[in-house]
Amino acid sequence: MKHLLIVGQPGVGKTSLIARLSRDFRGGPIDGFYTEELREEGRRVGFWLTSLDGRQALLAHRQLASPSRVGSYQVNVAVLDDMAVGILQRAMSQAQLVFLDEIGVMELSSKAFVQAVRQLFERGPRIIATVGLQPTPFLVHLRGRRDVELIALSARNRETVYEELRWRLQDLCDADERVRELQRQADAIC
């Protein structure tokens, strides 16, 4: 299976899809993070970065004091440099599936994050990620890789996409478990 990059317009359900799939495989060899909106009085004012192990940090806010800005949000690059990069490094050695929501302009504010994503794509486990539609060179490169399958998400197909991805990821996990069992048997014989 290739790395899976989910693309779609804002608000179509990309984050919900990643959160739902990661919940389905909780307890398995997974790692990653997703971003959640921070709302005050019904208005989006920022974003949380939430790791699959439950840690949460403020990724961006309209009122944050930061030199890095994307639209009306100031980005807390330290959260990307420390927490997000740490998650990616851990995932590289311990996970079978890595869920990333999102690889977009805000996340690309961190050079360390960009480098960690590059390494993960080169040497890591399977990646299931949402990516921005922006034509930045890095995102264009990721979307054009030979080991990447692009999945277009829309309001019309999101349930079908969820079912298909759940089935494919379960099949991958089952196959990897069979390989690990054969390895354990071979180790016991040796």
C-alpha atoms as a PDB file:
ATOM      1  CA  MET A   1       0.000   0.000   0.000  1.00  0.00           C
ATOM      2  CA  LYS A   2       1.180   3.482  -0.820  1.00  0.00           C
ATOM      3  CA  HIS A   3       1.103   6.493   1.468  1.00  0.00           C
ATOM      4  CA  LEU A   4      -2.381   8.015   1.376  1.00  0.00           C
ATOM      5  CA  LEU A   5      -2.858  11.766   1.039  1.00  0.00           C
ATOM      6  CA  ILE A   6      -6.387  13.007   1.522  1.00  0.00           C
ATOM      7  CA  VAL A   7      -7.218  16.235  -0.277  1.00  0.00           C
ATOM      8  CA  GLY A   8     -10.376  18.294  -0.309  1.00  0.00           C
ATOM      9  CA  GLN A   9     -11.845  21.700   0.255  1.00  0.00           C
ATOM     10  CA  PRO A  10     -11.827  23.176   3.782  1.00  0.00           C
ATOM     11  CA  GLY A  11     -14.761  21.953   5.864  1.00  0.00           C
ATOM     12  CA  VAL A  12     -15.349  18.768   3.868  1.00  0.00           C
ATOM     13  CA  GLY A  13     -14.413  16.481   6.785  1.00  0.00           C
ATOM     14  CA  LYS A  14     -10.721  15.664   6.365  1.00  0.00           C
ATOM     15  CA  THR A  15      -9.934  16.078  10.069  1.00  0.00           C
ATOM     16  CA  SER A  16     -13.039  14.118  11.058  1.00  0.00           C
ATOM     17  CA  LEU A  17     -11.956  11.296   8.736  1.00  0.00           C
ATOM     18  CA  ILE A  18      -8.456  11.133  10.276  1.00  0.00           C
ATOM     19  CA  ALA A  19      -9.857  11.252  13.816  1.00  0.00           C
ATOM     20  CA  ARG A  20     -12.379   8.507  13.041  1.00  0.00           C
ATOM     21  CA  LEU A  21      -9.816   6.214  11.399  1.00  0.00           C
ATOM     22  CA  SER A  22      -7.294   6.727  14.193  1.00  0.00           C
ATOM     23  CA  ARG A  23      -9.972   5.826  16.777  1.00  0.00           C
ATOM     24  CA  ASP A  24     -10.725   2.636  14.823  1.00  0.00           C
ATOM     25  CA  PHE A  25      -7.092   1.522  15.139  1.00  0.00           C
ATOM     26  CA  ARG A  26      -6.442   2.771  18.684  1.00  0.00           C
ATOM     27  CA  GLY A  27      -4.490   0.223  20.667  1.00  0.00           C
ATOM     28  CA  GLY A  28      -2.637  -0.862  17.540  1.00  0.00           C
ATOM     29  CA  PRO A  29       0.763   0.202  16.235  1.00  0.00           C
ATOM     30  CA  ILE A  30      -0.293   3.736  15.275  1.00  0.00           C
ATOM     31  CA  ASP A  31       0.887   7.247  16.028  1.00  0.00           C
ATOM     32  CA  GLY A  32       0.285  10.745  14.795  1.00  0.00           C
ATOM     33  CA  PHE A  33      -1.743  13.854  15.453  1.00  0.00           C
ATOM     34  CA  TYR A  34      -4.681  15.859  14.233  1.00  0.00           C
ATOM     35  CA  THR A  35      -5.655  19.495  14.449  1.00  0.00           C
ATOM     36  CA  GLU A  36      -8.861  20.716  15.991  1.00  0.00           C
ATOM     37  CA  GLU A  37     -10.521  24.084  15.791  1.00  0.00           C
ATOM     38  CA  LEU A  38     -10.528  26.270  18.882  1.00  0.00           C
ATOM     39  CA  ARG A  39     -13.782  28.183  19.051  1.00  0.00           C
ATOM     40  CA  GLU A  40     -14.803  31.041  21.300  1.00  0.00           C
ATOM     41  CA  GLU A  41     -18.406  32.273  21.229  1.00  0.00           C
ATOM     42  CA  GLY A  42     -19.031  30.183  18.099  1.00  0.00           C
ATOM     43  CA  ARG A  43     -16.148  31.751  16.191  1.00  0.00           C
ATOM     44  CA  ARG A  44     -12.958  29.942  15.173  1.00  0.00           C
ATOM     45  CA  VAL A  45     -10.029  31.687  16.838  1.00  0.00           C
ATOM     46  CA  GLY A  46      -7.307  29.066  16.616  1.00  0.00           C
ATOM     47  CA  PHE A  47      -6.233  25.457  16.361  1.00  0.00           C
ATOM     48  CA  TRP A  48      -5.127  22.758  18.783  1.00  0.00           C
ATOM     49  CA  LEU A  49      -2.581  20.128  17.854  1.00  0.00           C
ATOM     50  CA  THR A  50      -3.748  16.892  19.481  1.00  0.00           C
ATOM     51  CA  SER A  51      -1.557  13.803  19.585  1.00  0.00           C
ATOM     52  CA  LEU A  52      -3.143  10.381  19.340  1.00  0.00           C
ATOM     53  CA  ASP A  53      -1.936   9.712  22.891  1.00  0.00           C
ATOM     54  CA  GLY A  54      -4.113  12.595  24.118  1.00  0.00           C
ATOM     55  CA  ARG A  55      -1.634  15.446  24.580  1.00  0.00           C
ATOM     56  CA  GLN A  56      -2.780  18.797  23.312  1.00  0.00           C
ATOM     57  CA  ALA A  57      -1.054  22.110  22.637  1.00  0.00           C
ATOM     58  CA  LEU A  58      -2.091  25.414  21.116  1.00  0.00           C
ATOM     59  CA  LEU A  59      -0.860  25.401  17.519  1.00  0.00           C
ATOM     60  CA  ALA A  60      -2.219  28.748  16.357  1.00  0.00           C
ATOM     61  CA  HIS A  61      -4.409  31.577  17.593  1.00  0.00           C
ATOM     62  CA  ARG A  62      -5.541  34.975  16.385  1.00  0.00           C
ATOM     63  CA  GLN A  63      -4.183  36.591  19.578  1.00  0.00           C
ATOM     64  CA  LEU A  64      -0.922  34.633  19.911  1.00  0.00           C
ATOM     65  CA  ALA A  65       2.323  36.579  20.007  1.00  0.00           C
ATOM     66  CA  SER A  66       4.328  34.948  17.242  1.00  0.00           C
ATOM     67  CA  PRO A  67       6.361  36.180  14.285  1.00  0.00           C
ATOM     68  CA  SER A  68       4.980  33.333  12.143  1.00  0.00           C
ATOM     69  CA  ARG A  69       1.618  34.154  10.628  1.00  0.00           C
ATOM     70  CA  VAL A  70      -0.738  32.283   8.297  1.00  0.00           C
ATOM     71  CA  GLY A  71      -3.800  34.305   7.380  1.00  0.00           C
ATOM     72  CA  SER A  72      -5.233  35.781  10.564  1.00  0.00           C
ATOM     73  CA  TYR A  73      -3.523  33.197  12.789  1.00  0.00           C
ATOM     74  CA  GLN A  74      -0.168  33.431  14.514  1.00  0.00           C
ATOM     75  CA  VAL A  75       1.507  30.021  14.533  1.00  0.00           C
ATOM     76  CA  ASN A  76       3.194  28.564  17.611  1.00  0.00           C
ATOM     77  CA  VAL A  77       6.180  27.113  15.733  1.00  0.00           C
ATOM     78  CA  ALA A  78       7.600  25.679  18.979  1.00  0.00           C
ATOM     79  CA  VAL A  79       4.645  23.267  19.150  1.00  0.00           C
ATOM     80  CA  LEU A  80       5.552  22.001  15.693  1.00  0.00           C
ATOM     81  CA  ASP A  81       9.293  21.904  16.425  1.00  0.00           C
ATOM     82  CA  ASP A  82       8.894  20.057  19.710  1.00  0.00           C
ATOM     83  CA  MET A  83       5.622  18.172  19.955  1.00  0.00           C
ATOM     84  CA  ALA A  84       4.844  17.409  16.280  1.00  0.00           C
ATOM     85  CA  VAL A  85       8.447  16.556  15.362  1.00  0.00           C
ATOM     86  CA  GLY A  86       8.714  14.366  18.473  1.00  0.00           C
ATOM     87  CA  ILE A  87       5.589  12.480  17.424  1.00  0.00           C
ATOM     88  CA  LEU A  88       6.990  11.946  13.915  1.00  0.00           C
ATOM     89  CA  GLN A  89      10.351  10.741  15.232  1.00  0.00           C
ATOM     90  CA  ARG A  90       8.673   8.308  17.616  1.00  0.00           C
ATOM     91  CA  ALA A  91       6.363   7.096  14.849  1.00  0.00           C
ATOM     92  CA  MET A  92       9.302   6.412  12.559  1.00  0.00           C
ATOM     93  CA  SER A  93      10.610   3.730  14.881  1.00  0.00           C
ATOM     94  CA  GLN A  94       7.473   2.452  16.618  1.00  0.00           C
ATOM     95  CA  ALA A  95       4.380   2.799  14.439  1.00  0.00           C
ATOM     96  CA  GLN A  96       2.979   0.838  11.550  1.00  0.00           C
ATOM     97  CA  LEU A  97       0.510   3.570  10.555  1.00  0.00           C
ATOM     98  CA  VAL A  98       0.971   7.307  11.027  1.00  0.00           C
ATOM     99  CA  PHE A  99      -2.030   9.624  10.914  1.00  0.00           C
ATOM    100  CA  LEU A 100      -1.210  13.274  10.157  1.00  0.00           C
ATOM    101  CA  ASP A 101      -3.755  16.038  10.019  1.00  0.00           C
ATOM    102  CA  GLU A 102      -2.599  18.230   8.501  1.00  0.00           C
ATOM    103  CA  ILE A 103       0.390  18.931   6.314  1.00  0.00           C
ATOM    104  CA  GLY A 104      -0.453  22.450   5.216  1.00  0.00           C
ATOM    105  CA  VAL A 105       0.875  25.983   5.068  1.00  0.00           C
ATOM    106  CA  MET A 106       0.580  26.463   8.836  1.00  0.00           C
ATOM    107  CA  GLU A 107       2.603  23.323   9.576  1.00  0.00           C
ATOM    108  CA  LEU A 108       5.171  24.243   6.940  1.00  0.00           C
ATOM    109  CA  SER A 109       6.098  27.246   9.123  1.00  0.00           C
ATOM    110  CA  SER A 110       8.485  24.887  10.905  1.00  0.00           C
ATOM    111  CA  LYS A 111      11.621  23.833   9.047  1.00  0.00           C
ATOM    112  CA  ALA A 112      12.122  21.014  11.578  1.00  0.00           C
ATOM    113  CA  PHE A 113       8.604  19.735  10.848  1.00  0.00           C
ATOM    114  CA  VAL A 114       9.221  19.792   7.089  1.00  0.00           C
ATOM    115  CA  GLN A 115      12.464  17.835   7.573  1.00  0.00           C
ATOM    116  CA  ALA A 116      10.742  15.287   9.847  1.00  0.00           C
ATOM    117  CA  VAL A 117       7.944  14.788   7.290  1.00  0.00           C
ATOM    118  CA  ARG A 118      10.554  14.249   4.553  1.00  0.00           C
ATOM    119  CA  GLN A 119      12.294  11.615   6.670  1.00  0.00           C
ATOM    120  CA  LEU A 120       9.011   9.940   7.530  1.00  0.00           C
ATOM    121  CA  PHE A 121       8.076   9.641   3.847  1.00  0.00           C
ATOM    122  CA  GLU A 122      11.517   8.286   3.001  1.00  0.00           C
ATOM    123  CA  ARG A 123      12.079   5.815   5.845  1.00  0.00           C
ATOM    124  CA  GLY A 124       8.973   5.563   7.922  1.00  0.00           C
ATOM    125  CA  PRO A 125       5.810   3.507   8.129  1.00  0.00           C
ATOM    126  CA  ARG A 126       2.687   4.027   6.037  1.00  0.00           C
ATOM    127  CA  ILE A 127       1.315   7.556   6.231  1.00  0.00           C
ATOM    128  CA  ILE A 128      -2.319   8.589   6.098  1.00  0.00           C
ATOM    129  CA  ALA A 129      -2.377  12.374   5.938  1.00  0.00           C
ATOM    130  CA  THR A 130      -4.489  15.312   4.984  1.00  0.00           C
ATOM    131  CA  VAL A 131      -2.693  17.853   2.841  1.00  0.00           C
ATOM    132  CA  GLY A 132      -3.498  21.384   1.863  1.00  0.00           C
ATOM    133  CA  LEU A 133      -4.462  22.281  -1.673  1.00  0.00           C
ATOM    134  CA  GLN A 134      -1.976  25.159  -1.769  1.00  0.00           C
ATOM    135  CA  PRO A 135       0.595  24.973  -4.574  1.00  0.00           C
ATOM    136  CA  THR A 136       3.663  25.295  -2.317  1.00  0.00           C
ATOM    137  CA  PRO A 137       6.702  23.425  -3.690  1.00  0.00           C
ATOM    138  CA  PHE A 138       6.781  20.998  -0.751  1.00  0.00           C
ATOM    139  CA  LEU A 139       3.089  20.076  -1.018  1.00  0.00           C
ATOM    140  CA  VAL A 140       3.314  19.749  -4.801  1.00  0.00           C
ATOM    141  CA  HIS A 141       6.297  17.424  -4.295  1.00  0.00           C
ATOM    142  CA  LEU A 142       4.426  15.260  -1.742  1.00  0.00           C
ATOM    143  CA  ARG A 143       1.330  14.996  -3.922  1.00  0.00           C
ATOM    144  CA  GLY A 144       3.478  14.006  -6.923  1.00  0.00           C
ATOM    145  CA  ARG A 145       5.513  11.230  -5.277  1.00  0.00           C
ATOM    146  CA  ARG A 146       5.276   7.779  -6.888  1.00  0.00           C
ATOM    147  CA  ASP A 147       4.631   6.159  -3.500  1.00  0.00           C
ATOM    148  CA  VAL A 148       1.612   8.386  -2.811  1.00  0.00           C
ATOM    149  CA  GLU A 149      -2.019   7.814  -3.626  1.00  0.00           C
ATOM    150  CA  LEU A 150      -4.197  10.921  -3.634  1.00  0.00           C
ATOM    151  CA  ILE A 151      -7.708  10.499  -2.301  1.00  0.00           C
ATOM    152  CA  ALA A 152     -10.163  13.292  -3.074  1.00  0.00           C
ATOM    153  CA  LEU A 153     -12.648  13.778  -0.249  1.00  0.00           C
ATOM    154  CA  SER A 154     -15.994  15.483  -0.746  1.00  0.00           C
ATOM    155  CA  ALA A 155     -19.237  15.751   1.173  1.00  0.00           C
ATOM    156  CA  ARG A 156     -20.691  13.192  -1.250  1.00  0.00           C
ATOM    157  CA  ASN A 157     -18.048  10.498  -0.915  1.00  0.00           C
ATOM    158  CA  ARG A 158     -16.782  10.833   2.666  1.00  0.00           C
ATOM    159  CA  GLU A 159     -18.612   7.796   4.058  1.00  0.00           C
ATOM    160  CA  THR A 160     -17.521   5.633   1.112  1.00  0.00           C
ATOM    161  CA  VAL A 161     -13.927   6.851   1.506  1.00  0.00           C
ATOM    162  CA  TYR A 162     -14.036   6.070   5.230  1.00  0.00           C
ATOM    163  CA  GLU A 163     -15.286   2.519   4.640  1.00  0.00           C
ATOM    164  CA  GLU A 164     -12.714   1.871   1.903  1.00  0.00           C
ATOM    165  CA  LEU A 165      -9.804   3.223   3.944  1.00  0.00           C
ATOM    166  CA  ARG A 166     -10.870   1.347   7.066  1.00  0.00           C
ATOM    167  CA  TRP A 167     -10.961  -1.914   5.109  1.00  0.00           C
ATOM    168  CA  ARG A 168      -7.590  -1.250   3.429  1.00  0.00           C
ATOM    169  CA  LEU A 169      -5.868  -0.273   6.678  1.00  0.00           C
ATOM    170  CA  GLN A 170      -7.287  -3.287   8.504  1.00  0.00           C
ATOM    171  CA  ASP A 171      -6.032  -5.555   5.728  1.00  0.00           C
ATOM    172  CA  LEU A 172      -2.583  -3.971   5.984  1.00  0.00           C
ATOM    173  CA  CYS A 173      -2.486  -4.394   9.778  1.00  0.00           C
ATOM    174  CA  ASP A 174      -3.596  -8.034   9.497  1.00  0.00           C
ATOM    175  CA  ALA A 175      -0.898  -8.785   6.905  1.00  0.00           C
ATOM    176  CA  ASP A 176       1.782  -7.149   9.054  1.00  0.00           C
ATOM    177  CA  GLU A 177       0.641  -9.147  12.087  1.00  0.00           C
ATOM    178  CA  ARG A 178       0.981 -12.377  10.089  1.00  0.00           C
ATOM    179  CA  VAL A 179       4.538 -11.368   9.127  1.00  0.00           C
ATOM    180  CA  ARG A 180       5.402 -10.600  12.775  1.00  0.00           C
ATOM    181  CA  GLU A 181       4.000 -13.984  13.843  1.00  0.00           C
ATOM    182  CA  LEU A 182       6.130 -15.766  11.239  1.00  0.00           C
ATOM    183  CA  GLN A 183       9.153 -13.821  12.489  1.00  0.00           C
ATOM    184  CA  ARG A 184       8.430 -14.867  16.091  1.00  0.00           C
ATOM    185  CA  GLN A 185       8.165 -18.506  14.964  1.00  0.00           C
ATOM    186  CA  ALA A 186      11.438 -18.245  13.027  1.00  0.00           C
ATOM    187  CA  ASP A 187      13.147 -16.672  16.038  1.00  0.00           C
ATOM    188  CA  ALA A 188      11.890 -19.499  18.256  1.00  0.00           C
ATOM    189  CA  ILE A 189      13.244 -22.119  15.864  1.00  0.00           C
ATOM    190  CA  CYS A 190      16.633 -20.417  15.675  1.00  0.00           C
END
